[in-house]
Amino acid sequence: MISTAKINIEEVINTELPASPAIAMRVAALTRDLNASTRAIADAIGSDPLLAARVISAANASSHALERRVSALPPAVSAHGNQMIYTLAVSSGVSESRWLEHQTPITGALHQHSLAVGMAARQVVRELGMNGDEEAFACGLLHDIGKLLMAGHDANLYAHCANYVDEQQLFEREREIYGFTHAQAGALVAKRWNFPDELCYAIYNHHHPGQAKNSLVIARVVDIADNLANAHGYGLRLNPQPNLATTESALALRLTAEQLNRIWDAVEPELTREMIALASSNFNPQIYS
């Protein structure tokens, strides 16, 4: 029996979730490697949506020193410098046993899904010949941050929402249990974390991009990437869209079935390598010393 008492959204968005210790330590090690590029450090950070969110948030918290707020990882890394990234990585990482306390099948699937959507969104932008591929990656990586917070707050409770096939049914179930949706929670926490407006709007509208008054294109890009990830088994959705080229966002951006296949063909090897690397990561406290 599910409690009918609604949960205060502040409880959810203030949930403290640790980053993966293996990824945090990989980032920390890279910041101490004189041969490691900004690109390599940004890619490592991008393996964990929670660590990525902290890095972008921290960069924008000191945005008075920047011309504009950042919405991608490479400029966020450049804005911080290696020592600050090292500090953020170390402070975000926790013991493996404590991190495992927060890991459930739902949170694990959400982490994989978030990375898949980020990579797919970046590739969609490249396929379209547009600028902003790294901004698209960040939007895709963080689009379900609300789900991660909900599941982190109470994984058993969110399990009652996780496997809904239809997006509208999912939103209705979330409102019934929580009083708000994961898109609303994600957009609110993104705003609190000083994310640029375009990223906040993309998170809020990623399931209904046609309703977006701002960031319409990037919301559609994330919607396509979300569908691609789910269709290829990276997500919680049980019955993926059979013909992605007929979706509203694909039609609006004039992406053909051939292009969508090409996008996923480019994403899949990189995603597979990342999944293997994450699975084989070992917890090594010496990197923190």
C-alpha atoms as a PDB file:
ATOM      1  CA  MET A   1       0.000   0.000   0.000  1.00  0.00           C
ATOM      2  CA  ILE A   2       1.420   3.378  -1.041  1.00  0.00           C
ATOM      3  CA  SER A   3       1.057   6.316   1.296  1.00  0.00           C
ATOM      4  CA  THR A   4      -1.177   9.032  -0.115  1.00  0.00           C
ATOM      5  CA  ALA A   5       0.752  11.719   1.767  1.00  0.00           C
ATOM      6  CA  LYS A   6       2.554  13.900  -0.758  1.00  0.00           C
ATOM      7  CA  ILE A   7       6.305  14.390  -0.387  1.00  0.00           C
ATOM      8  CA  ASN A   8       7.719  17.884  -0.120  1.00  0.00           C
ATOM      9  CA  ILE A   9       9.729  18.550  -3.264  1.00  0.00           C
ATOM     10  CA  GLU A  10      12.425  20.165  -1.111  1.00  0.00           C
ATOM     11  CA  GLU A  11      13.077  16.777   0.522  1.00  0.00           C
ATOM     12  CA  VAL A  12      13.755  15.248  -2.868  1.00  0.00           C
ATOM     13  CA  ILE A  13      15.921  17.949  -4.428  1.00  0.00           C
ATOM     14  CA  ASN A  14      18.006  18.217  -1.246  1.00  0.00           C
ATOM     15  CA  THR A  15      18.781  14.492  -1.277  1.00  0.00           C
ATOM     16  CA  GLU A  16      22.547  13.982  -0.952  1.00  0.00           C
ATOM     17  CA  LEU A  17      23.674  11.467  -3.559  1.00  0.00           C
ATOM     18  CA  PRO A  18      27.330  10.416  -3.847  1.00  0.00           C
ATOM     19  CA  ALA A  19      29.157  10.129  -7.130  1.00  0.00           C
ATOM     20  CA  SER A  20      30.677   6.803  -8.113  1.00  0.00           C
ATOM     21  CA  PRO A  21      33.939   6.412  -6.151  1.00  0.00           C
ATOM     22  CA  ALA A  22      35.622   4.715  -9.122  1.00  0.00           C
ATOM     23  CA  ILE A  23      34.771   7.611 -11.452  1.00  0.00           C
ATOM     24  CA  ALA A  24      35.629  10.253  -8.856  1.00  0.00           C
ATOM     25  CA  MET A  25      39.042   8.685  -8.357  1.00  0.00           C
ATOM     26  CA  ARG A  26      39.621   8.348 -12.094  1.00  0.00           C
ATOM     27  CA  VAL A  27      38.950  12.081 -12.408  1.00  0.00           C
ATOM     28  CA  ALA A  28      41.202  12.834  -9.432  1.00  0.00           C
ATOM     29  CA  ALA A  29      44.009  10.797 -10.996  1.00  0.00           C
ATOM     30  CA  LEU A  30      43.646  12.565 -14.341  1.00  0.00           C
ATOM     31  CA  THR A  31      43.912  16.000 -12.703  1.00  0.00           C
ATOM     32  CA  ARG A  32      47.333  14.959 -11.372  1.00  0.00           C
ATOM     33  CA  ASP A  33      48.488  13.699 -14.759  1.00  0.00           C
ATOM     34  CA  LEU A  34      50.386  16.466 -16.542  1.00  0.00           C
ATOM     35  CA  ASN A  35      49.663  14.797 -19.883  1.00  0.00           C
ATOM     36  CA  ALA A  36      45.894  14.602 -19.366  1.00  0.00           C
ATOM     37  CA  SER A  37      43.905  17.005 -21.512  1.00  0.00           C
ATOM     38  CA  THR A  38      40.845  19.022 -20.529  1.00  0.00           C
ATOM     39  CA  ARG A  39      38.909  16.813 -22.937  1.00  0.00           C
ATOM     40  CA  ALA A  40      40.015  13.632 -21.142  1.00  0.00           C
ATOM     41  CA  ILE A  41      39.063  15.056 -17.737  1.00  0.00           C
ATOM     42  CA  ALA A  42      35.677  16.254 -19.042  1.00  0.00           C
ATOM     43  CA  ASP A  43      34.972  12.838 -20.573  1.00  0.00           C
ATOM     44  CA  ALA A  44      35.775  11.115 -17.288  1.00  0.00           C
ATOM     45  CA  ILE A  45      33.503  13.473 -15.351  1.00  0.00           C
ATOM     46  CA  GLY A  46      30.763  12.855 -17.912  1.00  0.00           C
ATOM     47  CA  SER A  47      30.623   9.191 -16.914  1.00  0.00           C
ATOM     48  CA  ASP A  48      28.700  10.141 -13.778  1.00  0.00           C
ATOM     49  CA  PRO A  49      25.729  12.539 -14.010  1.00  0.00           C
ATOM     50  CA  LEU A  50      25.988  13.490 -10.331  1.00  0.00           C
ATOM     51  CA  LEU A  51      29.649  14.473 -10.547  1.00  0.00           C
ATOM     52  CA  ALA A  52      28.978  16.291 -13.831  1.00  0.00           C
ATOM     53  CA  ALA A  53      26.165  18.242 -12.193  1.00  0.00           C
ATOM     54  CA  ARG A  54      28.461  19.298  -9.333  1.00  0.00           C
ATOM     55  CA  VAL A  55      31.191  20.472 -11.700  1.00  0.00           C
ATOM     56  CA  ILE A  56      28.813  22.536 -13.874  1.00  0.00           C
ATOM     57  CA  SER A  57      27.066  23.904 -10.798  1.00  0.00           C
ATOM     58  CA  ALA A  58      30.334  24.948  -9.157  1.00  0.00           C
ATOM     59  CA  ALA A  59      31.535  26.613 -12.358  1.00  0.00           C
ATOM     60  CA  ASN A  60      28.362  28.661 -12.567  1.00  0.00           C
ATOM     61  CA  ALA A  61      28.407  29.531  -8.876  1.00  0.00           C
ATOM     62  CA  SER A  62      31.498  31.583  -9.646  1.00  0.00           C
ATOM     63  CA  SER A  63      30.187  32.809 -12.999  1.00  0.00           C
ATOM     64  CA  HIS A  64      30.931  36.427 -12.128  1.00  0.00           C
ATOM     65  CA  ALA A  65      34.421  35.635 -13.411  1.00  0.00           C
ATOM     66  CA  LEU A  66      32.998  34.281 -16.682  1.00  0.00           C
ATOM     67  CA  GLU A  67      31.409  36.066 -19.613  1.00  0.00           C
ATOM     68  CA  ARG A  68      28.416  33.725 -19.502  1.00  0.00           C
ATOM     69  CA  ARG A  69      27.266  30.695 -17.550  1.00  0.00           C
ATOM     70  CA  VAL A  70      28.544  27.379 -18.834  1.00  0.00           C
ATOM     71  CA  SER A  71      26.356  24.477 -19.908  1.00  0.00           C
ATOM     72  CA  ALA A  72      29.025  21.999 -21.016  1.00  0.00           C
ATOM     73  CA  LEU A  73      31.764  20.091 -19.241  1.00  0.00           C
ATOM     74  CA  PRO A  74      34.913  21.164 -21.161  1.00  0.00           C
ATOM     75  CA  PRO A  75      34.472  24.889 -20.405  1.00  0.00           C
ATOM     76  CA  ALA A  76      33.452  24.036 -16.835  1.00  0.00           C
ATOM     77  CA  VAL A  77      36.707  22.104 -16.388  1.00  0.00           C
ATOM     78  CA  SER A  78      38.698  24.960 -17.914  1.00  0.00           C
ATOM     79  CA  ALA A  79      36.965  27.465 -15.632  1.00  0.00           C
ATOM     80  CA  HIS A  80      37.893  25.474 -12.522  1.00  0.00           C
ATOM     81  CA  GLY A  81      41.431  24.339 -13.212  1.00  0.00           C
ATOM     82  CA  ASN A  82      42.815  20.942 -12.261  1.00  0.00           C
ATOM     83  CA  GLN A  83      43.241  21.595  -8.556  1.00  0.00           C
ATOM     84  CA  MET A  84      39.613  22.594  -8.074  1.00  0.00           C
ATOM     85  CA  ILE A  85      38.417  19.624 -10.147  1.00  0.00           C
ATOM     86  CA  TYR A  86      40.571  17.366  -7.980  1.00  0.00           C
ATOM     87  CA  THR A  87      38.981  18.838  -4.851  1.00  0.00           C
ATOM     88  CA  LEU A  88      35.471  18.408  -6.266  1.00  0.00           C
ATOM     89  CA  ALA A  89      36.181  14.813  -7.266  1.00  0.00           C
ATOM     90  CA  VAL A  90      37.608  13.905  -3.872  1.00  0.00           C
ATOM     91  CA  SER A  91      34.774  15.584  -1.978  1.00  0.00           C
ATOM     92  CA  SER A  92      32.160  13.905  -4.208  1.00  0.00           C
ATOM     93  CA  GLY A  93      33.615  10.434  -3.808  1.00  0.00           C
ATOM     94  CA  VAL A  94      32.771   8.259  -0.826  1.00  0.00           C
ATOM     95  CA  SER A  95      33.692   4.813   0.360  1.00  0.00           C
ATOM     96  CA  GLU A  96      32.608   2.020  -1.948  1.00  0.00           C
ATOM     97  CA  SER A  97      30.414   0.491   0.761  1.00  0.00           C
ATOM     98  CA  ARG A  98      28.575   3.769   1.338  1.00  0.00           C
ATOM     99  CA  TRP A  99      28.116   4.321  -2.387  1.00  0.00           C
ATOM    100  CA  LEU A 100      26.723   0.802  -2.795  1.00  0.00           C
ATOM    101  CA  GLU A 101      24.077   1.619  -0.183  1.00  0.00           C
ATOM    102  CA  HIS A 102      22.555   4.017  -2.718  1.00  0.00           C
ATOM    103  CA  GLN A 103      22.786   1.610  -5.661  1.00  0.00           C
ATOM    104  CA  THR A 104      19.669  -0.277  -6.729  1.00  0.00           C
ATOM    105  CA  PRO A 105      18.645  -1.787 -10.062  1.00  0.00           C
ATOM    106  CA  ILE A 106      16.722   1.429 -10.748  1.00  0.00           C
ATOM    107  CA  THR A 107      19.587   3.825  -9.990  1.00  0.00           C
ATOM    108  CA  GLY A 108      22.018   1.633 -11.922  1.00  0.00           C
ATOM    109  CA  ALA A 109      19.726   1.610 -14.957  1.00  0.00           C
ATOM    110  CA  LEU A 110      19.239   5.378 -14.667  1.00  0.00           C
ATOM    111  CA  HIS A 111      23.007   5.990 -14.652  1.00  0.00           C
ATOM    112  CA  GLN A 112      23.445   3.886 -17.796  1.00  0.00           C
ATOM    113  CA  HIS A 113      20.446   5.527 -19.435  1.00  0.00           C
ATOM    114  CA  SER A 114      21.705   9.028 -18.626  1.00  0.00           C
ATOM    115  CA  LEU A 115      25.104   8.337 -20.181  1.00  0.00           C
ATOM    116  CA  ALA A 116      23.497   6.772 -23.263  1.00  0.00           C
ATOM    117  CA  VAL A 117      21.189   9.766 -23.733  1.00  0.00           C
ATOM    118  CA  GLY A 118      24.076  12.196 -23.306  1.00  0.00           C
ATOM    119  CA  MET A 119      26.160  10.443 -25.945  1.00  0.00           C
ATOM    120  CA  ALA A 120      23.203  10.118 -28.307  1.00  0.00           C
ATOM    121  CA  ALA A 121      22.244  13.792 -27.902  1.00  0.00           C
ATOM    122  CA  ARG A 122      25.804  14.831 -28.755  1.00  0.00           C
ATOM    123  CA  GLN A 123      25.722  12.637 -31.861  1.00  0.00           C
ATOM    124  CA  VAL A 124      22.304  13.954 -32.941  1.00  0.00           C
ATOM    125  CA  VAL A 125      23.693  17.505 -32.932  1.00  0.00           C
ATOM    126  CA  ARG A 126      26.726  16.388 -34.931  1.00  0.00           C
ATOM    127  CA  GLU A 127      24.512  14.549 -37.427  1.00  0.00           C
ATOM    128  CA  LEU A 128      22.483  17.733 -37.905  1.00  0.00           C
ATOM    129  CA  GLY A 129      25.663  19.772 -38.459  1.00  0.00           C
ATOM    130  CA  MET A 130      24.806  22.081 -35.569  1.00  0.00           C
ATOM    131  CA  ASN A 131      26.997  23.727 -32.954  1.00  0.00           C
ATOM    132  CA  GLY A 132      26.646  22.881 -29.274  1.00  0.00           C
ATOM    133  CA  ASP A 133      27.368  19.158 -29.204  1.00  0.00           C
ATOM    134  CA  GLU A 134      28.870  19.352 -25.710  1.00  0.00           C
ATOM    135  CA  GLU A 135      25.903  21.347 -24.425  1.00  0.00           C
ATOM    136  CA  ALA A 136      23.680  18.619 -25.885  1.00  0.00           C
ATOM    137  CA  PHE A 137      25.723  15.967 -24.094  1.00  0.00           C
ATOM    138  CA  ALA A 138      25.272  17.766 -20.751  1.00  0.00           C
ATOM    139  CA  CYS A 139      21.526  18.168 -21.328  1.00  0.00           C
ATOM    140  CA  GLY A 140      21.173  14.505 -22.185  1.00  0.00           C
ATOM    141  CA  LEU A 141      23.343  13.357 -19.301  1.00  0.00           C
ATOM    142  CA  LEU A 142      21.342  15.414 -16.797  1.00  0.00           C
ATOM    143  CA  HIS A 143      17.837  15.153 -18.286  1.00  0.00           C
ATOM    144  CA  ASP A 144      16.718  12.569 -15.694  1.00  0.00           C
ATOM    145  CA  ILE A 145      18.440  14.085 -12.657  1.00  0.00           C
ATOM    146  CA  GLY A 146      14.954  14.355 -11.122  1.00  0.00           C
ATOM    147  CA  LYS A 147      14.500  10.580 -11.386  1.00  0.00           C
ATOM    148  CA  LEU A 148      17.897   9.992  -9.794  1.00  0.00           C
ATOM    149  CA  LEU A 149      16.937  12.238  -6.886  1.00  0.00           C
ATOM    150  CA  MET A 150      13.541  10.570  -6.494  1.00  0.00           C
ATOM    151  CA  ALA A 151      15.067   7.097  -6.562  1.00  0.00           C
ATOM    152  CA  GLY A 152      17.861   8.206  -4.230  1.00  0.00           C
ATOM    153  CA  HIS A 153      15.331   9.652  -1.810  1.00  0.00           C
ATOM    154  CA  ASP A 154      13.364   6.366  -1.652  1.00  0.00           C
ATOM    155  CA  ALA A 155      14.144   3.670  -4.218  1.00  0.00           C
ATOM    156  CA  ASN A 156      11.283   1.433  -3.120  1.00  0.00           C
ATOM    157  CA  LEU A 157       8.784   4.250  -3.527  1.00  0.00           C
ATOM    158  CA  TYR A 158      10.038   5.240  -6.958  1.00  0.00           C
ATOM    159  CA  ALA A 159       9.857   1.610  -8.058  1.00  0.00           C
ATOM    160  CA  HIS A 160       6.092   2.154  -8.281  1.00  0.00           C
ATOM    161  CA  CYS A 161       6.757   4.656 -11.087  1.00  0.00           C
ATOM    162  CA  ALA A 162       9.778   3.254 -12.850  1.00  0.00           C
ATOM    163  CA  ASN A 163       8.314   0.771 -15.309  1.00  0.00           C
ATOM    164  CA  TYR A 164       5.477   2.772 -16.811  1.00  0.00           C
ATOM    165  CA  VAL A 165       5.522   2.527 -20.597  1.00  0.00           C
ATOM    166  CA  ASP A 166       3.572   5.647 -21.503  1.00  0.00           C
ATOM    167  CA  GLU A 167       5.145   8.974 -20.559  1.00  0.00           C
ATOM    168  CA  GLN A 168       1.807  10.507 -19.641  1.00  0.00           C
ATOM    169  CA  GLN A 169       1.048   7.560 -17.346  1.00  0.00           C
ATOM    170  CA  LEU A 170       4.480   7.980 -15.763  1.00  0.00           C
ATOM    171  CA  PHE A 171       3.831  11.660 -15.053  1.00  0.00           C
ATOM    172  CA  GLU A 172       0.384  10.892 -13.633  1.00  0.00           C
ATOM    173  CA  ARG A 173       1.835   8.206 -11.368  1.00  0.00           C
ATOM    174  CA  GLU A 174       4.588  10.537 -10.159  1.00  0.00           C
ATOM    175  CA  ARG A 175       2.050  13.269  -9.401  1.00  0.00           C
ATOM    176  CA  GLU A 176      -0.135  10.747  -7.585  1.00  0.00           C
ATOM    177  CA  ILE A 177       2.715   9.561  -5.348  1.00  0.00           C
ATOM    178  CA  TYR A 178       4.879  12.670  -5.038  1.00  0.00           C
ATOM    179  CA  GLY A 179       2.710  15.584  -6.081  1.00  0.00           C
ATOM    180  CA  PHE A 180       5.219  16.539  -8.822  1.00  0.00           C
ATOM    181  CA  THR A 181       7.027  14.948 -11.778  1.00  0.00           C
ATOM    182  CA  HIS A 182      10.678  14.069 -12.249  1.00  0.00           C
ATOM    183  CA  ALA A 183      10.900  16.761 -14.931  1.00  0.00           C
ATOM    184  CA  GLN A 184       9.688  19.402 -12.476  1.00  0.00           C
ATOM    185  CA  ALA A 185      12.062  18.197  -9.756  1.00  0.00           C
ATOM    186  CA  GLY A 186      14.963  18.067 -12.200  1.00  0.00           C
ATOM    187  CA  ALA A 187      14.352  21.553 -13.561  1.00  0.00           C
ATOM    188  CA  LEU A 188      14.008  23.000 -10.065  1.00  0.00           C
ATOM    189  CA  VAL A 189      17.229  21.470  -8.785  1.00  0.00           C
ATOM    190  CA  ALA A 190      18.996  22.564 -11.991  1.00  0.00           C
ATOM    191  CA  LYS A 191      17.864  26.118 -11.289  1.00  0.00           C
ATOM    192  CA  ARG A 192      19.079  25.841  -7.683  1.00  0.00           C
ATOM    193  CA  TRP A 193      22.421  24.547  -8.932  1.00  0.00           C
ATOM    194  CA  ASN A 194      22.938  27.633 -11.103  1.00  0.00           C
ATOM    195  CA  PHE A 195      22.550  25.806 -14.403  1.00  0.00           C
ATOM    196  CA  PRO A 196      21.999  28.019 -17.457  1.00  0.00           C
ATOM    197  CA  ASP A 197      18.363  28.572 -18.393  1.00  0.00           C
ATOM    198  CA  GLU A 198      18.624  26.540 -21.602  1.00  0.00           C
ATOM    199  CA  LEU A 199      19.669  23.482 -19.612  1.00  0.00           C
ATOM    200  CA  CYS A 200      16.844  23.968 -17.093  1.00  0.00           C
ATOM    201  CA  TYR A 201      14.259  24.337 -19.872  1.00  0.00           C
ATOM    202  CA  ALA A 202      15.581  21.260 -21.668  1.00  0.00           C
ATOM    203  CA  ILE A 203      15.268  19.173 -18.495  1.00  0.00           C
ATOM    204  CA  TYR A 204      11.756  20.470 -17.846  1.00  0.00           C
ATOM    205  CA  ASN A 205      10.502  19.839 -21.395  1.00  0.00           C
ATOM    206  CA  HIS A 206      12.403  16.735 -22.469  1.00  0.00           C
ATOM    207  CA  HIS A 207       9.250  14.577 -22.492  1.00  0.00           C
ATOM    208  CA  HIS A 208       7.088  17.246 -24.160  1.00  0.00           C
ATOM    209  CA  PRO A 209       9.498  19.247 -26.327  1.00  0.00           C
ATOM    210  CA  GLY A 210       6.683  20.651 -28.433  1.00  0.00           C
ATOM    211  CA  GLN A 211       5.524  22.622 -25.378  1.00  0.00           C
ATOM    212  CA  ALA A 212       8.912  24.265 -24.898  1.00  0.00           C
ATOM    213  CA  LYS A 213       8.866  28.034 -25.306  1.00  0.00           C
ATOM    214  CA  ASN A 214      12.638  28.136 -24.833  1.00  0.00           C
ATOM    215  CA  SER A 215      15.378  25.685 -25.848  1.00  0.00           C
ATOM    216  CA  LEU A 216      12.992  24.005 -28.275  1.00  0.00           C
ATOM    217  CA  VAL A 217      15.692  22.466 -30.467  1.00  0.00           C
ATOM    218  CA  ILE A 218      17.768  21.043 -27.621  1.00  0.00           C
ATOM    219  CA  ALA A 219      14.611  19.684 -25.956  1.00  0.00           C
ATOM    220  CA  ARG A 220      13.809  17.861 -29.191  1.00  0.00           C
ATOM    221  CA  VAL A 221      17.385  16.595 -29.444  1.00  0.00           C
ATOM    222  CA  VAL A 222      17.186  15.158 -25.918  1.00  0.00           C
ATOM    223  CA  ASP A 223      13.779  13.630 -26.691  1.00  0.00           C
ATOM    224  CA  ILE A 224      15.231  11.830 -29.718  1.00  0.00           C
ATOM    225  CA  ALA A 225      18.265  10.685 -27.733  1.00  0.00           C
ATOM    226  CA  ASP A 226      15.990   9.469 -24.926  1.00  0.00           C
ATOM    227  CA  ASN A 227      13.956   7.404 -27.387  1.00  0.00           C
ATOM    228  CA  LEU A 228      17.103   5.998 -28.997  1.00  0.00           C
ATOM    229  CA  ALA A 229      18.556   4.910 -25.660  1.00  0.00           C
ATOM    230  CA  ASN A 230      15.313   3.247 -24.584  1.00  0.00           C
ATOM    231  CA  ALA A 231      14.886   1.544 -27.951  1.00  0.00           C
ATOM    232  CA  HIS A 232      18.314  -0.062 -27.578  1.00  0.00           C
ATOM    233  CA  GLY A 233      17.814  -1.302 -24.035  1.00  0.00           C
ATOM    234  CA  TYR A 234      19.352   1.565 -22.043  1.00  0.00           C
ATOM    235  CA  GLY A 235      16.474   2.688 -19.866  1.00  0.00           C
ATOM    236  CA  LEU A 236      13.450   1.753 -17.805  1.00  0.00           C
ATOM    237  CA  ARG A 237      10.817   1.903 -20.520  1.00  0.00           C
ATOM    238  CA  LEU A 238       9.349  -1.539 -21.239  1.00  0.00           C
ATOM    239  CA  ASN A 239       7.901  -0.946 -24.699  1.00  0.00           C
ATOM    240  CA  PRO A 240      10.092   1.378 -26.780  1.00  0.00           C
ATOM    241  CA  GLN A 241       8.785   3.278 -29.781  1.00  0.00           C
ATOM    242  CA  PRO A 242       9.021   0.861 -32.752  1.00  0.00           C
ATOM    243  CA  ASN A 243       9.654   3.501 -35.443  1.00  0.00           C
ATOM    244  CA  LEU A 244      11.630   6.402 -34.054  1.00  0.00           C
ATOM    245  CA  ALA A 245      11.615   8.265 -37.380  1.00  0.00           C
ATOM    246  CA  THR A 246       7.867   8.847 -36.962  1.00  0.00           C
ATOM    247  CA  THR A 247       8.152  10.585 -33.578  1.00  0.00           C
ATOM    248  CA  GLU A 248       7.269  14.256 -33.363  1.00  0.00           C
ATOM    249  CA  SER A 249      10.848  15.330 -32.588  1.00  0.00           C
ATOM    250  CA  ALA A 250      12.431  13.277 -35.390  1.00  0.00           C
ATOM    251  CA  LEU A 251       9.946  14.689 -37.881  1.00  0.00           C
ATOM    252  CA  ALA A 252      10.487  18.232 -36.613  1.00  0.00           C
ATOM    253  CA  LEU A 253      14.280  17.938 -37.018  1.00  0.00           C
ATOM    254  CA  ARG A 254      13.873  15.998 -40.286  1.00  0.00           C
ATOM    255  CA  LEU A 255      15.867  13.011 -39.111  1.00  0.00           C
ATOM    256  CA  THR A 256      15.348   9.907 -41.214  1.00  0.00           C
ATOM    257  CA  ALA A 257      15.460   6.289 -40.067  1.00  0.00           C
ATOM    258  CA  GLU A 258      18.818   5.952 -41.827  1.00  0.00           C
ATOM    259  CA  GLN A 259      20.229   8.913 -39.903  1.00  0.00           C
ATOM    260  CA  LEU A 260      18.897   7.601 -36.591  1.00  0.00           C
ATOM    261  CA  ASN A 261      20.559   4.258 -37.250  1.00  0.00           C
ATOM    262  CA  ARG A 262      23.794   6.034 -38.140  1.00  0.00           C
ATOM    263  CA  ILE A 263      23.622   8.038 -34.925  1.00  0.00           C
ATOM    264  CA  TRP A 264      23.258   4.933 -32.791  1.00  0.00           C
ATOM    265  CA  ASP A 265      25.970   3.105 -34.740  1.00  0.00           C
ATOM    266  CA  ALA A 266      28.341   5.929 -33.781  1.00  0.00           C
ATOM    267  CA  VAL A 267      27.224   5.914 -30.127  1.00  0.00           C
ATOM    268  CA  GLU A 268      27.166   2.187 -29.427  1.00  0.00           C
ATOM    269  CA  PRO A 269      30.925   1.386 -29.542  1.00  0.00           C
ATOM    270  CA  GLU A 270      31.790   4.349 -27.309  1.00  0.00           C
ATOM    271  CA  LEU A 271      28.985   3.491 -24.896  1.00  0.00           C
ATOM    272  CA  THR A 272      30.009  -0.175 -24.780  1.00  0.00           C
ATOM    273  CA  ARG A 273      33.619   0.768 -24.013  1.00  0.00           C
ATOM    274  CA  GLU A 274      32.440   3.049 -21.207  1.00  0.00           C
ATOM    275  CA  MET A 275      30.186   0.362 -19.724  1.00  0.00           C
ATOM    276  CA  ILE A 276      33.084  -2.129 -19.753  1.00  0.00           C
ATOM    277  CA  ALA A 277      35.420   0.425 -18.157  1.00  0.00           C
ATOM    278  CA  LEU A 278      32.912   1.208 -15.421  1.00  0.00           C
ATOM    279  CA  ALA A 279      32.268  -2.468 -14.725  1.00  0.00           C
ATOM    280  CA  SER A 280      35.979  -3.212 -14.413  1.00  0.00           C
ATOM    281  CA  SER A 281      36.825  -0.197 -12.247  1.00  0.00           C
ATOM    282  CA  ASN A 282      38.378  -1.079  -8.908  1.00  0.00           C
ATOM    283  CA  PHE A 283      38.160   1.028  -5.777  1.00  0.00           C
ATOM    284  CA  ASN A 284      41.699   2.236  -5.047  1.00  0.00           C
ATOM    285  CA  PRO A 285      42.003   4.591  -2.076  1.00  0.00           C
ATOM    286  CA  GLN A 286      45.628   5.412  -2.923  1.00  0.00           C
ATOM    287  CA  ILE A 287      44.435   7.796  -5.632  1.00  0.00           C
ATOM    288  CA  TYR A 288      43.092   9.985  -2.824  1.00  0.00           C
ATOM    289  CA  SER A 289      46.354  10.064  -0.908  1.00  0.00           C
END
